[in-house]
Structure formats: C-alpha cells, structure tokens
C-alpha atoms as a PDB file:
ATOM      1  CA  MET A   1      35.453 192.479 -38.664  1.00  0.00           C
ATOM      2  CA  LEU A   2      31.845 193.016 -37.843  1.00  0.00           C
ATOM      3  CA  ALA A   3      29.664 190.546 -36.386  1.00  0.00           C
ATOM      4  CA  TYR A   4      25.773 190.242 -35.657  1.00  0.00           C
ATOM      5  CA  VAL A   5      24.872 188.743 -32.424  1.00  0.00           C
ATOM      6  CA  PRO A   6      21.056 188.287 -32.450  1.00  0.00           C
ATOM      7  CA  PRO A   7      19.254 189.216 -29.273  1.00  0.00           C
ATOM      8  CA  VAL A   8      18.209 186.337 -27.250  1.00  0.00           C
ATOM      9  CA  PRO A   9      15.014 186.635 -25.494  1.00  0.00           C
ATOM     10  CA  ILE A  10      15.168 186.772 -21.878  1.00  0.00           C
ATOM     11  CA  SER A  11      12.623 184.333 -21.339  1.00  0.00           C
ATOM     12  CA  THR A  12      14.828 181.444 -22.888  1.00  0.00           C
ATOM     13  CA  ARG A  13      18.118 179.943 -21.440  1.00  0.00           C
ATOM     14  CA  PRO A  14      21.296 179.744 -23.534  1.00  0.00           C
ATOM     15  CA  LEU A  15      22.034 176.040 -24.865  1.00  0.00           C
ATOM     16  CA  VAL A  16      25.171 174.588 -23.136  1.00  0.00           C
ATOM     17  CA  PRO A  17      26.926 171.912 -25.002  1.00  0.00           C
ATOM     18  CA  ALA A  18      27.724 168.931 -22.673  1.00  0.00           C
ATOM     19  CA  VAL A  19      28.479 165.212 -22.851  1.00  0.00           C
ATOM     20  CA  ALA A  20      27.348 162.538 -20.190  1.00  0.00           C
ATOM     21  CA  TYR A  21      27.958 158.837 -20.502  1.00  0.00           C
ATOM     22  CA  VAL A  22      28.209 155.953 -18.048  1.00  0.00           C
ATOM     23  CA  GLN A  23      31.047 153.377 -18.479  1.00  0.00           C
ATOM     24  CA  ALA A  24      31.233 150.012 -16.913  1.00  0.00           C
ATOM     25  CA  ARG A  25      34.813 148.477 -16.074  1.00  0.00           C
ATOM     26  CA  ARG A  26      35.679 145.349 -14.597  1.00  0.00           C
ATOM     27  CA  CYS A  27      38.396 145.314 -11.895  1.00  0.00           C
ATOM     28  CA  THR A  28      40.167 143.038  -9.645  1.00  0.00           C
ATOM     29  CA  GLU A  29      39.438 142.993  -5.871  1.00  0.00           C
ATOM     30  CA  GLU A  30      42.251 145.232  -5.125  1.00  0.00           C
ATOM     31  CA  GLU A  31      41.328 147.938  -7.678  1.00  0.00           C
ATOM     32  CA  ARG A  32      37.866 147.761  -6.369  1.00  0.00           C
ATOM     33  CA  THR A  33      38.514 149.738  -2.952  1.00  0.00           C
ATOM     34  CA  LEU A  34      37.918 153.260  -2.568  1.00  0.00           C
ATOM     35  CA  ASP A  35      41.544 153.926  -1.661  1.00  0.00           C
ATOM     36  CA  ALA A  36      42.508 152.461  -5.080  1.00  0.00           C
ATOM     37  CA  VAL A  37      39.876 154.534  -6.988  1.00  0.00           C
ATOM     38  CA  VAL A  38      41.056 157.708  -5.362  1.00  0.00           C
ATOM     39  CA  ASP A  39      44.560 156.786  -5.993  1.00  0.00           C
ATOM     40  CA  MET A  40      43.888 155.958  -9.840  1.00  0.00           C
ATOM     41  CA  ALA A  41      42.150 159.488  -9.935  1.00  0.00           C
ATOM     42  CA  SER A  42      44.870 161.266  -8.420  1.00  0.00           C
ATOM     43  CA  HIS A  43      47.326 160.181 -11.256  1.00  0.00           C
ATOM     44  CA  PRO A  44      48.319 162.862 -13.462  1.00  0.00           C
ATOM     45  CA  VAL A  45      46.030 163.081 -16.831  1.00  0.00           C
ATOM     46  CA  PRO A  46      47.052 164.580 -20.155  1.00  0.00           C
ATOM     47  CA  HIS A  47      45.343 168.046 -20.600  1.00  0.00           C
ATOM     48  CA  ARG A  48      44.458 168.350 -17.003  1.00  0.00           C
ATOM     49  CA  HIS A  49      44.785 171.989 -16.032  1.00  0.00           C
ATOM     50  CA  GLY A  50      45.619 172.425 -12.315  1.00  0.00           C
ATOM     51  CA  GLU A  51      44.983 170.054  -9.579  1.00  0.00           C
ATOM     52  CA  PRO A  52      41.532 168.289  -9.549  1.00  0.00           C
ATOM     53  CA  GLU A  53      39.230 168.285  -6.454  1.00  0.00           C
ATOM     54  CA  ILE A  54      38.779 164.736  -5.372  1.00  0.00           C
ATOM     55  CA  THR A  55      36.086 163.768  -2.974  1.00  0.00           C
ATOM     56  CA  ARG A  56      34.979 160.494  -1.158  1.00  0.00           C
ATOM     57  CA  LEU A  57      31.105 160.111  -0.883  1.00  0.00           C
ATOM     58  CA  GLU A  58      28.556 157.874  -0.878  1.00  0.00           C
ATOM     59  CA  LEU A  59      25.835 157.655  -3.560  1.00  0.00           C
ATOM     60  CA  PRO A  60      22.738 155.699  -3.542  1.00  0.00           C
ATOM     61  CA  ALA A  61      24.360 153.338  -6.147  1.00  0.00           C
ATOM     62  CA  GLY A  62      27.533 152.655  -3.627  1.00  0.00           C
ATOM     63  CA  LEU A  63      30.652 154.201  -2.363  1.00  0.00           C
ATOM     64  CA  ALA A  64      32.133 156.750  -4.781  1.00  0.00           C
ATOM     65  CA  CYS A  65      34.959 158.878  -5.741  1.00  0.00           C
ATOM     66  CA  ARG A  66      34.178 162.522  -7.287  1.00  0.00           C
ATOM     67  CA  VAL A  67      36.666 163.876  -9.473  1.00  0.00           C
ATOM     68  CA  HIS A  68      36.023 167.803 -10.500  1.00  0.00           C
ATOM     69  CA  GLU A  69      38.609 169.116 -13.256  1.00  0.00           C
ATOM     70  CA  VAL A  70      39.430 171.474 -15.705  1.00  0.00           C
ATOM     71  CA  LEU A  71      40.876 170.208 -18.968  1.00  0.00           C
ATOM     72  CA  LEU A  72      43.136 172.194 -21.495  1.00  0.00           C
ATOM     73  CA  SER A  73      43.061 170.781 -25.161  1.00  0.00           C
ATOM     74  CA  GLU A  74      45.982 170.687 -27.270  1.00  0.00           C
ATOM     75  CA  ALA A  75      46.433 173.989 -29.150  1.00  0.00           C
ATOM     76  CA  ASP A  76      44.661 174.448 -32.319  1.00  0.00           C
ATOM     77  CA  GLU A  77      46.246 175.345 -35.650  1.00  0.00           C
ATOM     78  CA  ASP A  78      45.973 179.081 -34.626  1.00  0.00           C
ATOM     79  CA  GLY A  79      48.145 178.187 -31.278  1.00  0.00           C
ATOM     80  CA  ARG A  80      44.971 178.632 -28.851  1.00  0.00           C
ATOM     81  CA  SER A  81      43.720 176.039 -26.557  1.00  0.00           C
ATOM     82  CA  PHE A  82      40.170 175.131 -25.565  1.00  0.00           C
ATOM     83  CA  LEU A  83      39.025 174.947 -21.769  1.00  0.00           C
ATOM     84  CA  SER A  84      36.339 172.470 -20.760  1.00  0.00           C
ATOM     85  CA  GLU A  85      35.377 171.079 -17.417  1.00  0.00           C
ATOM     86  CA  ARG A  86      34.401 167.548 -16.170  1.00  0.00           C
ATOM     87  CA  VAL A  87      33.121 165.875 -13.138  1.00  0.00           C
ATOM     88  CA  ASP A  88      33.393 162.208 -12.942  1.00  0.00           C
ATOM     89  CA  HIS A  89      31.893 159.849 -10.364  1.00  0.00           C
ATOM     90  CA  TYR A  90      33.379 156.405  -9.936  1.00  0.00           C
ATOM     91  CA  VAL A  91      31.046 154.239  -8.355  1.00  0.00           C
ATOM     92  CA  LEU A  92      31.341 150.889  -6.500  1.00  0.00           C
ATOM     93  CA  PRO A  93      27.900 149.406  -6.492  1.00  0.00           C
ATOM     94  CA  PRO A  94      27.483 146.480  -3.857  1.00  0.00           C
ATOM     95  CA  GLN A  95      25.654 144.607  -6.281  1.00  0.00           C
ATOM     96  CA  CYS A  96      28.406 144.341  -8.707  1.00  0.00           C
ATOM     97  CA  PRO A  97      31.567 142.964  -6.902  1.00  0.00           C
ATOM     98  CA  GLU A  98      33.553 142.529 -10.110  1.00  0.00           C
ATOM     99  CA  GLY A  99      33.485 145.980 -11.388  1.00  0.00           C
ATOM    100  CA  MET A 100      32.759 149.657 -11.273  1.00  0.00           C
ATOM    101  CA  PHE A 101      30.759 152.360 -13.138  1.00  0.00           C
ATOM    102  CA  LYS A 102      32.102 155.840 -14.103  1.00  0.00           C
ATOM    103  CA  LEU A 103      29.579 158.564 -14.782  1.00  0.00           C
ATOM    104  CA  SER A 104      31.282 161.491 -16.686  1.00  0.00           C
ATOM    105  CA  VAL A 105      29.804 164.754 -17.365  1.00  0.00           C
ATOM    106  CA  GLN A 106      31.879 167.273 -19.324  1.00  0.00           C
ATOM    107  CA  TRP A 107      31.079 170.666 -20.624  1.00  0.00           C
ATOM    108  CA  ALA A 108      32.594 173.598 -22.593  1.00  0.00           C
ATOM    109  CA  GLY A 109      34.230 176.323 -20.429  1.00  0.00           C
ATOM    110  CA  PRO A 110      34.271 177.150 -16.828  1.00  0.00           C
ATOM    111  CA  THR A 111      31.922 180.169 -17.218  1.00  0.00           C
ATOM    112  CA  ILE A 112      28.975 178.378 -16.115  1.00  0.00           C
ATOM    113  CA  SER A 113      30.705 175.870 -13.744  1.00  0.00           C
ATOM    114  CA  VAL A 114      28.611 176.360 -10.557  1.00  0.00           C
ATOM    115  CA  ALA A 115      25.378 175.465 -12.481  1.00  0.00           C
ATOM    116  CA  MET A 116      26.917 172.352 -14.422  1.00  0.00           C
ATOM    117  CA  VAL A 117      28.843 171.179 -11.297  1.00  0.00           C
ATOM    118  CA  GLU A 118      25.165 170.978  -9.787  1.00  0.00           C
ATOM    119  CA  ILE A 119      23.689 169.178 -12.548  1.00  0.00           C
ATOM    120  CA  ALA A 120      26.730 166.573 -12.632  1.00  0.00           C
ATOM    121  CA  ASP A 121      26.268 165.991  -8.954  1.00  0.00           C
ATOM    122  CA  ARG A 122      22.269 165.363  -9.195  1.00  0.00           C
ATOM    123  CA  MET A 123      22.977 163.005 -12.084  1.00  0.00           C
ATOM    124  CA  GLY A 124      25.333 161.068  -9.591  1.00  0.00           C
ATOM    125  CA  VAL A 125      22.740 160.975  -6.869  1.00  0.00           C
ATOM    126  CA  SER A 126      20.222 159.786  -9.491  1.00  0.00           C
ATOM    127  CA  LEU A 127      22.433 156.772 -10.834  1.00  0.00           C
ATOM    128  CA  GLY A 128      20.910 153.482 -10.276  1.00  0.00           C
ATOM    129  CA  VAL A 129      22.628 150.056 -10.755  1.00  0.00           C
ATOM    130  CA  TRP A 130      20.595 146.694 -10.908  1.00  0.00           C
ATOM    131  CA  ALA A 131      20.856 143.417 -12.357  1.00  0.00           C
ATOM    132  CA  GLU A 132      19.284 142.905 -15.827  1.00  0.00           C
ATOM    133  CA  GLY A 133      15.570 142.246 -15.314  1.00  0.00           C
ATOM    134  CA  GLU A 134      15.285 144.006 -11.895  1.00  0.00           C
ATOM    135  CA  GLY A 135      15.549 147.549 -12.975  1.00  0.00           C
ATOM    136  CA  GLU A 136      12.951 150.117 -12.807  1.00  0.00           C
END
C-alpha cells in the first residue's frame, strides 16, 4: 500500500480534534461535598485505562475535583481499540448550593497530552458561574 502524506507548512499547527462541554447536575447536600465528589470520581469507569489522577483544588468558580484519565474504547471490527484522554473538573460553586458543574475536555490520543492538559486546566480556571441576568 502506498500513501501520500502532503507536507504541512511549518508555520501552521496540526488540528487536534477535541470535545469540551459543561454539564450541570443537581445533587443532595451529602453528594455536594468535595469528599463525595472525589469518591464518585474514584469509582471504576468502563473503558478507563489505568488509574486516574485525581486532585482537589480551588478554582475561581469554587471548590473542585480534577480527574485526568486515559480511556480505551471498545475494540473496533478489526479488533483494535482507540485511546483518548480526558480531564474533568467537577466544580461546587458556592452560589449554586443545590448542584455541581462538570467541565469535561476530551481529545484523541495521548501523544499531545501535556499541551492538551494545560489547555483543559486553563479552561477550568476560566469557568465562571453566575445567576441568570448577572453574567458578564
């Protein structure tokens, strides 16, 4: 098999497919503690490859739990799996006592891990939560 790979100009960076989203979740008072969030994040997840890195931190939006993990997809029809990486920030904003927010950033393959983790962490720091009508 012969494949043509066009040269990429040095002045451009390659595109990296990534998905980022924020999800709100209502929770009970018992579920809305940092210990409970860390415990939830520690539970086994299907397709998790290895142990996740779980960190407690304080973000401008509130107390948070950061989960960095590698995921292994189900085997494709040819028997191969696909690796992806994800950083989730579970945030407990003080102005939302009945819920939490999850900021999730996932990308393909761990070869660019350092740069993408840095971007995901900067997104976590930039997350803002405010009541409707009060936002920037």
